[in-house]
Amino acid sequence: GAIWPQVGEIDIMENVGDEPTTIFGTAHGPGFSGA
């Protein structure tokens, strides 16, 4: 029954398509989610 971001999120790889040489890794949780 937990909801985001309490469940946690681990973004192993993300890329924005107009930056083809850059990737980023991210973590989301309570107090550090979204932007």
Full PDB file with SEQRES, HELIX, SHEET, SSBOND, CRYST1, ORIGX, SCALE, CONECT and MASTER records, all heavy atoms in Angstrom:
SEQRES   1 A   35  GLY ALA ILE TRP PRO GLN VAL GLY GLU ILE ASP ILE MET          
SEQRES   2 A   35  GLU ASN VAL GLY ASP GLU PRO THR THR ILE PHE GLY THR          
SEQRES   3 A   35  ALA HIS GLY PRO GLY PHE SER GLY ALA                          
SHEET    1 AA1 2 GLU A   9  GLU A  14  0                                        
SHEET    2 AA1 2 PHE A  24  HIS A  28 -1                                        
CRYST1    1.000    1.000    1.000  90.00  90.00  90.00 P 1           1          
ORIGX1      1.000000  0.000000  0.000000        0.00000                         
ORIGX2      0.000000  1.000000  0.000000        0.00000                         
ORIGX3      0.000000  0.000000  1.000000        0.00000                         
SCALE1      1.000000  0.000000  0.000000        0.00000                         
SCALE2      0.000000  1.000000  0.000000        0.00000                         
SCALE3      0.000000  0.000000  1.000000        0.00000                         
ATOM      1  N   GLY A   1       0.786  -1.225   0.000  1.00  0.00           N  
ATOM      2  CA  GLY A   1       0.000   0.000   0.000  1.00  0.00           C  
ATOM      3  C   GLY A   1       0.819   1.276   0.000  1.00  0.00           C  
ATOM      4  O   GLY A   1       0.258   2.374  -0.087  1.00  0.00           O  
ATOM      5  N   ALA A   2       2.140   1.163   0.084  1.00  0.00           N  
ATOM      6  CA  ALA A   2       2.985   2.356   0.018  1.00  0.00           C  
ATOM      7  C   ALA A   2       2.906   2.963  -1.374  1.00  0.00           C  
ATOM      8  O   ALA A   2       2.680   2.260  -2.362  1.00  0.00           O  
ATOM      9  CB  ALA A   2       4.427   1.995   0.356  1.00  0.00           C  
ATOM     10  N   ILE A   3       3.079   4.266  -1.465  1.00  0.00           N  
ATOM     11  CA  ILE A   3       2.996   4.955  -2.737  1.00  0.00           C  
ATOM     12  C   ILE A   3       4.316   5.676  -3.019  1.00  0.00           C  
ATOM     13  O   ILE A   3       5.147   5.862  -2.135  1.00  0.00           O  
ATOM     14  CB  ILE A   3       1.824   5.958  -2.770  1.00  0.00           C  
ATOM     15  CG1 ILE A   3       1.997   7.018  -1.674  1.00  0.00           C  
ATOM     16  CG2 ILE A   3       0.495   5.222  -2.606  1.00  0.00           C  
ATOM     17  CD1 ILE A   3       0.943   8.118  -1.739  1.00  0.00           C  
ATOM     18  N   TRP A   4       4.484   6.073  -4.278  1.00  0.00           N  
ATOM     19  CA  TRP A   4       5.675   6.818  -4.673  1.00  0.00           C  
ATOM     20  C   TRP A   4       5.627   8.202  -4.037  1.00  0.00           C  
ATOM     21  O   TRP A   4       4.562   8.787  -3.973  1.00  0.00           O  
ATOM     22  CB  TRP A   4       5.680   6.947  -6.211  1.00  0.00           C  
ATOM     23  CG  TRP A   4       6.926   7.533  -6.782  1.00  0.00           C  
ATOM     24  CD1 TRP A   4       8.056   6.856  -7.162  1.00  0.00           C  
ATOM     25  CD2 TRP A   4       7.183   8.910  -7.064  1.00  0.00           C  
ATOM     26  NE1 TRP A   4       8.986   7.724  -7.655  1.00  0.00           N  
ATOM     27  CE2 TRP A   4       8.481   9.003  -7.607  1.00  0.00           C  
ATOM     28  CE3 TRP A   4       6.442  10.087  -6.905  1.00  0.00           C  
ATOM     29  CZ2 TRP A   4       9.049  10.218  -7.992  1.00  0.00           C  
ATOM     30  CZ3 TRP A   4       7.001  11.299  -7.279  1.00  0.00           C  
ATOM     31  CH2 TRP A   4       8.287  11.354  -7.815  1.00  0.00           C  
ATOM     32  N   PRO A   5       6.732   8.757  -3.516  1.00  0.00           N  
ATOM     33  CA  PRO A   5       8.097   8.221  -3.606  1.00  0.00           C  
ATOM     34  C   PRO A   5       8.509   7.363  -2.415  1.00  0.00           C  
ATOM     35  O   PRO A   5       9.675   7.003  -2.304  1.00  0.00           O  
ATOM     36  CB  PRO A   5       8.932   9.498  -3.663  1.00  0.00           C  
ATOM     37  CG  PRO A   5       8.179  10.459  -2.778  1.00  0.00           C  
ATOM     38  CD  PRO A   5       6.722  10.162  -3.028  1.00  0.00           C  
ATOM     39  N   GLN A   6       7.538   7.031  -1.507  1.00  0.00           N  
ATOM     40  CA  GLN A   6       7.905   6.212  -0.349  1.00  0.00           C  
ATOM     41  C   GLN A   6       8.465   4.846  -0.758  1.00  0.00           C  
ATOM     42  O   GLN A   6       9.281   4.275  -0.036  1.00  0.00           O  
ATOM     43  CB  GLN A   6       6.685   6.018   0.557  1.00  0.00           C  
ATOM     44  CG  GLN A   6       6.344   7.225   1.415  1.00  0.00           C  
ATOM     45  CD  GLN A   6       5.679   8.350   0.626  1.00  0.00           C  
ATOM     46  OE1 GLN A   6       5.056   8.090  -0.403  1.00  0.00           O  
ATOM     47  NE2 GLN A   6       5.807   9.582   1.106  1.00  0.00           N  
ATOM     48  N   VAL A   7       8.008   4.324  -1.902  1.00  0.00           N  
ATOM     49  CA  VAL A   7       8.506   3.010  -2.336  1.00  0.00           C  
ATOM     50  C   VAL A   7       9.929   3.092  -2.869  1.00  0.00           C  
ATOM     51  O   VAL A   7      10.626   2.072  -2.968  1.00  0.00           O  
ATOM     52  CB  VAL A   7       7.594   2.398  -3.420  1.00  0.00           C  
ATOM     53  CG1 VAL A   7       6.233   2.052  -2.851  1.00  0.00           C  
ATOM     54  CG2 VAL A   7       7.468   3.323  -4.628  1.00  0.00           C  
ATOM     55  N   GLY A   8      10.369   4.289  -3.266  1.00  0.00           N  
ATOM     56  CA  GLY A   8      11.700   4.457  -3.826  1.00  0.00           C  
ATOM     57  C   GLY A   8      11.731   4.223  -5.325  1.00  0.00           C  
ATOM     58  O   GLY A   8      10.921   3.471  -5.886  1.00  0.00           O  
ATOM     59  N   GLU A   9      12.668   4.892  -5.962  1.00  0.00           N  
ATOM     60  CA  GLU A   9      12.886   4.739  -7.401  1.00  0.00           C  
ATOM     61  C   GLU A   9      14.382   4.858  -7.672  1.00  0.00           C  
ATOM     62  O   GLU A   9      15.036   5.781  -7.173  1.00  0.00           O  
ATOM     63  CB  GLU A   9      12.122   5.814  -8.177  1.00  0.00           C  
ATOM     64  CG  GLU A   9      12.373   5.797  -9.686  1.00  0.00           C  
ATOM     65  CD  GLU A   9      11.584   6.884 -10.419  1.00  0.00           C  
ATOM     66  OE1 GLU A   9      10.487   7.257  -9.934  1.00  0.00           O  
ATOM     67  OE2 GLU A   9      12.081   7.373 -11.462  1.00  0.00           O  
ATOM     68  N   ILE A  10      14.917   3.934  -8.451  1.00  0.00           N  
ATOM     69  CA  ILE A  10      16.325   3.962  -8.842  1.00  0.00           C  
ATOM     70  C   ILE A  10      16.375   4.015 -10.366  1.00  0.00           C  
ATOM     71  O   ILE A  10      16.025   3.039 -11.035  1.00  0.00           O  
ATOM     72  CB  ILE A  10      17.089   2.727  -8.336  1.00  0.00           C  
ATOM     73  CG1 ILE A  10      16.954   2.573  -6.818  1.00  0.00           C  
ATOM     74  CG2 ILE A  10      18.558   2.804  -8.741  1.00  0.00           C  
ATOM     75  CD1 ILE A  10      17.507   1.255  -6.287  1.00  0.00           C  
ATOM     76  N   ASP A  11      16.790   5.141 -10.897  1.00  0.00           N  
ATOM     77  CA  ASP A  11      16.906   5.301 -12.349  1.00  0.00           C  
ATOM     78  C   ASP A  11      18.330   4.936 -12.751  1.00  0.00           C  
ATOM     79  O   ASP A  11      19.264   5.713 -12.546  1.00  0.00           O  
ATOM     80  CB  ASP A  11      16.577   6.733 -12.751  1.00  0.00           C  
ATOM     81  CG  ASP A  11      15.162   7.139 -12.345  1.00  0.00           C  
ATOM     82  OD1 ASP A  11      14.282   6.259 -12.361  1.00  0.00           O  
ATOM     83  OD2 ASP A  11      14.951   8.306 -12.011  1.00  0.00           O  
ATOM     84  N   ILE A  12      18.489   3.740 -13.299  1.00  0.00           N  
ATOM     85  CA  ILE A  12      19.812   3.233 -13.643  1.00  0.00           C  
ATOM     86  C   ILE A  12      20.400   4.010 -14.814  1.00  0.00           C  
ATOM     87  O   ILE A  12      21.581   4.354 -14.818  1.00  0.00           O  
ATOM     88  CB  ILE A  12      19.721   1.735 -13.975  1.00  0.00           C  
ATOM     89  CG1 ILE A  12      19.172   0.957 -12.772  1.00  0.00           C  
ATOM     90  CG2 ILE A  12      21.088   1.194 -14.404  1.00  0.00           C  
ATOM     91  CD1 ILE A  12      18.878  -0.494 -13.063  1.00  0.00           C  
ATOM     92  N   MET A  13      19.578   4.288 -15.809  1.00  0.00           N  
ATOM     93  CA  MET A  13      20.009   5.055 -16.970  1.00  0.00           C  
ATOM     94  C   MET A  13      18.857   5.888 -17.489  1.00  0.00           C  
ATOM     95  O   MET A  13      17.780   5.368 -17.734  1.00  0.00           O  
ATOM     96  CB  MET A  13      20.502   4.124 -18.083  1.00  0.00           C  
ATOM     97  CG  MET A  13      20.978   4.817 -19.357  1.00  0.00           C  
ATOM     98  SD  MET A  13      19.657   5.423 -20.471  1.00  0.00           S  
ATOM     99  CE  MET A  13      18.775   3.916 -20.844  1.00  0.00           C  
ATOM    100  N   GLU A  14      19.090   7.167 -17.664  1.00  0.00           N  
ATOM    101  CA  GLU A  14      18.175   8.041 -18.380  1.00  0.00           C  
ATOM    102  C   GLU A  14      18.992   8.882 -19.350  1.00  0.00           C  
ATOM    103  O   GLU A  14      20.172   9.155 -19.118  1.00  0.00           O  
ATOM    104  CB  GLU A  14      17.425   8.965 -17.427  1.00  0.00           C  
ATOM    105  CG  GLU A  14      16.515   8.245 -16.451  1.00  0.00           C  
ATOM    106  CD  GLU A  14      15.832   9.218 -15.511  1.00  0.00           C  
ATOM    107  OE1 GLU A  14      16.465   9.599 -14.507  1.00  0.00           O  
ATOM    108  OE2 GLU A  14      14.681   9.594 -15.792  1.00  0.00           O  
ATOM    109  N   ASN A  15      18.343   9.293 -20.438  1.00  0.00           N  
ATOM    110  CA  ASN A  15      18.991  10.144 -21.428  1.00  0.00           C  
ATOM    111  C   ASN A  15      17.944  11.062 -22.038  1.00  0.00           C  
ATOM    112  O   ASN A  15      16.809  10.632 -22.273  1.00  0.00           O  
ATOM    113  CB  ASN A  15      19.638   9.289 -22.519  1.00  0.00           C  
ATOM    114  CG  ASN A  15      20.045  10.095 -23.744  1.00  0.00           C  
ATOM    115  OD1 ASN A  15      19.341  10.081 -24.751  1.00  0.00           O  
ATOM    116  ND2 ASN A  15      21.165  10.803 -23.664  1.00  0.00           N  
ATOM    117  N   VAL A  16      18.294  12.318 -22.248  1.00  0.00           N  
ATOM    118  CA  VAL A  16      17.447  13.198 -23.049  1.00  0.00           C  
ATOM    119  C   VAL A  16      18.033  13.203 -24.452  1.00  0.00           C  
ATOM    120  O   VAL A  16      19.244  13.359 -24.637  1.00  0.00           O  
ATOM    121  CB  VAL A  16      17.344  14.610 -22.445  1.00  0.00           C  
ATOM    122  CG1 VAL A  16      16.573  14.561 -21.145  1.00  0.00           C  
ATOM    123  CG2 VAL A  16      18.698  15.248 -22.220  1.00  0.00           C  
ATOM    124  N   GLY A  17      17.171  12.991 -25.438  1.00  0.00           N  
ATOM    125  CA  GLY A  17      17.616  12.617 -26.769  1.00  0.00           C  
ATOM    126  C   GLY A  17      18.457  13.624 -27.515  1.00  0.00           C  
ATOM    127  O   GLY A  17      19.148  13.266 -28.475  1.00  0.00           O  
ATOM    128  N   ASP A  18      18.404  14.899 -27.118  1.00  0.00           N  
ATOM    129  CA  ASP A  18      19.249  15.883 -27.796  1.00  0.00           C  
ATOM    130  C   ASP A  18      20.612  16.032 -27.132  1.00  0.00           C  
ATOM    131  O   ASP A  18      21.364  16.948 -27.463  1.00  0.00           O  
ATOM    132  CB  ASP A  18      18.541  17.237 -27.890  1.00  0.00           C  
ATOM    133  CG  ASP A  18      18.102  17.785 -26.539  1.00  0.00           C  
ATOM    134  OD1 ASP A  18      18.090  17.019 -25.564  1.00  0.00           O  
ATOM    135  OD2 ASP A  18      17.764  18.980 -26.462  1.00  0.00           O  
ATOM    136  N   GLU A  19      20.948  15.110 -26.202  1.00  0.00           N  
ATOM    137  CA  GLU A  19      22.271  15.088 -25.578  1.00  0.00           C  
ATOM    138  C   GLU A  19      22.856  13.683 -25.730  1.00  0.00           C  
ATOM    139  O   GLU A  19      22.914  12.902 -24.778  1.00  0.00           O  
ATOM    140  CB  GLU A  19      22.179  15.488 -24.107  1.00  0.00           C  
ATOM    141  CG  GLU A  19      21.653  16.909 -23.896  1.00  0.00           C  
ATOM    142  CD  GLU A  19      21.589  17.297 -22.425  1.00  0.00           C  
ATOM    143  OE1 GLU A  19      22.126  16.551 -21.576  1.00  0.00           O  
ATOM    144  OE2 GLU A  19      21.004  18.350 -22.127  1.00  0.00           O  
ATOM    145  N   PRO A  20      23.290  13.322 -26.936  1.00  0.00           N  
ATOM    146  CA  PRO A  20      23.649  11.927 -27.230  1.00  0.00           C  
ATOM    147  C   PRO A  20      24.974  11.455 -26.649  1.00  0.00           C  
ATOM    148  O   PRO A  20      25.347  10.302 -26.871  1.00  0.00           O  
ATOM    149  CB  PRO A  20      23.691  11.897 -28.760  1.00  0.00           C  
ATOM    150  CG  PRO A  20      24.040  13.302 -29.147  1.00  0.00           C  
ATOM    151  CD  PRO A  20      23.343  14.172 -28.145  1.00  0.00           C  
ATOM    152  N   THR A  21      25.671  12.295 -25.903  1.00  0.00           N  
ATOM    153  CA  THR A  21      26.898  11.843 -25.247  1.00  0.00           C  
ATOM    154  C   THR A  21      26.764  11.836 -23.726  1.00  0.00           C  
ATOM    155  O   THR A  21      27.756  11.597 -23.029  1.00  0.00           O  
ATOM    156  CB  THR A  21      28.094  12.736 -25.635  1.00  0.00           C  
ATOM    157  OG1 THR A  21      27.850  14.077 -25.206  1.00  0.00           O  
ATOM    158  CG2 THR A  21      28.321  12.716 -27.137  1.00  0.00           C  
ATOM    159  N   THR A  22      25.564  12.096 -23.209  1.00  0.00           N  
ATOM    160  CA  THR A  22      25.377  12.220 -21.760  1.00  0.00           C  
ATOM    161  C   THR A  22      24.260  11.312 -21.266  1.00  0.00           C  
ATOM    162  O   THR A  22      23.182  11.254 -21.860  1.00  0.00           O  
ATOM    163  CB  THR A  22      25.053  13.676 -21.388  1.00  0.00           C  
ATOM    164  OG1 THR A  22      26.117  14.522 -21.830  1.00  0.00           O  
ATOM    165  CG2 THR A  22      24.878  13.833 -19.886  1.00  0.00           C  
ATOM    166  N   ILE A  23      24.532  10.597 -20.182  1.00  0.00           N  
ATOM    167  CA  ILE A  23      23.487   9.850 -19.483  1.00  0.00           C  
ATOM    168  C   ILE A  23      23.494  10.294 -18.026  1.00  0.00           C  
ATOM    169  O   ILE A  23      24.433  10.957 -17.579  1.00  0.00           O  
ATOM    170  CB  ILE A  23      23.671   8.321 -19.606  1.00  0.00           C  
ATOM    171  CG1 ILE A  23      25.038   7.867 -19.079  1.00  0.00           C  
ATOM    172  CG2 ILE A  23      23.508   7.879 -21.056  1.00  0.00           C  
ATOM    173  CD1 ILE A  23      25.026   7.377 -17.674  1.00  0.00           C  
ATOM    174  N   PHE A  24      22.449   9.930 -17.294  1.00  0.00           N  
ATOM    175  CA  PHE A  24      22.444  10.252 -15.878  1.00  0.00           C  
ATOM    176  C   PHE A  24      21.767   9.149 -15.075  1.00  0.00           C  
ATOM    177  O   PHE A  24      20.910   8.422 -15.582  1.00  0.00           O  
ATOM    178  CB  PHE A  24      21.827  11.623 -15.584  1.00  0.00           C  
ATOM    179  CG  PHE A  24      20.500  11.907 -16.207  1.00  0.00           C  
ATOM    180  CD1 PHE A  24      19.337  11.793 -15.471  1.00  0.00           C  
ATOM    181  CD2 PHE A  24      20.395  12.316 -17.532  1.00  0.00           C  
ATOM    182  CE1 PHE A  24      18.100  12.083 -16.023  1.00  0.00           C  
ATOM    183  CE2 PHE A  24      19.165  12.601 -18.098  1.00  0.00           C  
ATOM    184  CZ  PHE A  24      18.012  12.487 -17.345  1.00  0.00           C  
ATOM    185  N   GLY A  25      22.232   9.018 -13.831  1.00  0.00           N  
ATOM    186  CA  GLY A  25      21.670   8.068 -12.884  1.00  0.00           C  
ATOM    187  C   GLY A  25      21.091   8.830 -11.713  1.00  0.00           C  
ATOM    188  O   GLY A  25      21.684   9.789 -11.222  1.00  0.00           O  
ATOM    189  N   THR A  26      19.914   8.388 -11.235  1.00  0.00           N  
ATOM    190  CA  THR A  26      19.139   9.186 -10.289  1.00  0.00           C  
ATOM    191  C   THR A  26      18.498   8.296  -9.233  1.00  0.00           C  
ATOM    192  O   THR A  26      18.189   7.129  -9.497  1.00  0.00           O  
ATOM    193  CB  THR A  26      18.038   9.963 -11.049  1.00  0.00           C  
ATOM    194  OG1 THR A  26      18.637  10.712 -12.102  1.00  0.00           O  
ATOM    195  CG2 THR A  26      17.277  10.908 -10.138  1.00  0.00           C  
ATOM    196  N   ALA A  27      18.268   8.858  -8.052  1.00  0.00           N  
ATOM    197  CA  ALA A  27      17.512   8.194  -6.998  1.00  0.00           C  
ATOM    198  C   ALA A  27      16.396   9.122  -6.525  1.00  0.00           C  
ATOM    199  O   ALA A  27      16.602  10.337  -6.416  1.00  0.00           O  
ATOM    200  CB  ALA A  27      18.405   7.817  -5.830  1.00  0.00           C  
ATOM    201  N   HIS A  28      15.218   8.541  -6.274  1.00  0.00           N  
ATOM    202  CA  HIS A  28      14.067   9.278  -5.742  1.00  0.00           C  
ATOM    203  C   HIS A  28      13.587   8.589  -4.475  1.00  0.00           C  
ATOM    204  O   HIS A  28      13.532   7.361  -4.403  1.00  0.00           O  
ATOM    205  CB  HIS A  28      12.888   9.282  -6.728  1.00  0.00           C  
ATOM    206  CG  HIS A  28      13.185   9.853  -8.074  1.00  0.00           C  
ATOM    207  ND1 HIS A  28      12.731  11.087  -8.475  1.00  0.00           N  
ATOM    208  CD2 HIS A  28      13.870   9.340  -9.133  1.00  0.00           C  
ATOM    209  CE1 HIS A  28      13.119  11.314  -9.715  1.00  0.00           C  
ATOM    210  NE2 HIS A  28      13.810  10.259 -10.139  1.00  0.00           N  
ATOM    211  N   GLY A  29      13.199   9.391  -3.495  1.00  0.00           N  
ATOM    212  CA  GLY A  29      12.619   8.874  -2.273  1.00  0.00           C  
ATOM    213  C   GLY A  29      11.960  10.009  -1.517  1.00  0.00           C  
ATOM    214  O   GLY A  29      11.935  11.153  -1.994  1.00  0.00           O  
ATOM    215  N   PRO A  30      11.424   9.749  -0.345  1.00  0.00           N  
ATOM    216  CA  PRO A  30      10.796  10.817   0.436  1.00  0.00           C  
ATOM    217  C   PRO A  30      11.786  11.938   0.733  1.00  0.00           C  
ATOM    218  O   PRO A  30      12.870  11.708   1.266  1.00  0.00           O  
ATOM    219  CB  PRO A  30      10.374  10.092   1.721  1.00  0.00           C  
ATOM    220  CG  PRO A  30      10.269   8.651   1.347  1.00  0.00           C  
ATOM    221  CD  PRO A  30      11.329   8.428   0.325  1.00  0.00           C  
ATOM    222  N   GLY A  31      11.434  13.143   0.327  1.00  0.00           N  
ATOM    223  CA  GLY A  31      12.301  14.292   0.532  1.00  0.00           C  
ATOM    224  C   GLY A  31      13.276  14.554  -0.590  1.00  0.00           C  
ATOM    225  O   GLY A  31      14.015  15.543  -0.557  1.00  0.00           O  
ATOM    226  N   PHE A  32      13.281  13.683  -1.620  1.00  0.00           N  
ATOM    227  CA  PHE A  32      14.163  13.918  -2.778  1.00  0.00           C  
ATOM    228  C   PHE A  32      13.570  13.233  -4.018  1.00  0.00           C  
ATOM    229  O   PHE A  32      14.098  12.273  -4.541  1.00  0.00           O  
ATOM    230  CB  PHE A  32      15.601  13.455  -2.514  1.00  0.00           C  
ATOM    231  CG  PHE A  32      15.753  11.997  -2.147  1.00  0.00           C  
ATOM    232  CD1 PHE A  32      16.277  11.081  -3.053  1.00  0.00           C  
ATOM    233  CD2 PHE A  32      15.398  11.537  -0.891  1.00  0.00           C  
ATOM    234  CE1 PHE A  32      16.440   9.743  -2.714  1.00  0.00           C  
ATOM    235  CE2 PHE A  32      15.557  10.206  -0.536  1.00  0.00           C  
ATOM    236  CZ  PHE A  32      16.079   9.306  -1.456  1.00  0.00           C  
ATOM    237  N   SER A  33      12.453  13.748  -4.476  1.00  0.00           N  
ATOM    238  CA  SER A  33      11.763  13.157  -5.614  1.00  0.00           C  
ATOM    239  C   SER A  33      11.488  14.210  -6.680  1.00  0.00           C  
ATOM    240  O   SER A  33      11.547  15.411  -6.436  1.00  0.00           O  
ATOM    241  CB  SER A  33      10.446  12.516  -5.178  1.00  0.00           C  
ATOM    242  OG  SER A  33       9.571  13.486  -4.621  1.00  0.00           O  
ATOM    243  N   GLY A  34      11.178  13.713  -7.904  1.00  0.00           N  
ATOM    244  CA  GLY A  34      10.886  14.629  -9.001  1.00  0.00           C  
ATOM    245  C   GLY A  34      12.071  15.533  -9.289  1.00  0.00           C  
ATOM    246  O   GLY A  34      13.221  15.082  -9.369  1.00  0.00           O  
ATOM    247  N   ALA A  35      11.799  16.823  -9.425  1.00  0.00           N  
ATOM    248  CA  ALA A  35      12.854  17.786  -9.726  1.00  0.00           C  
ATOM    249  C   ALA A  35      13.869  17.909  -8.605  1.00  0.00           C  
ATOM    250  O   ALA A  35      14.969  18.430  -8.807  1.00  0.00           O  
ATOM    251  CB  ALA A  35      12.238  19.152 -10.028  1.00  0.00           C  
TER     252      ALA A  35                                                      
MASTER        0    0    0    0    2    0    0    6  251    1    0    3          
END                                                                             
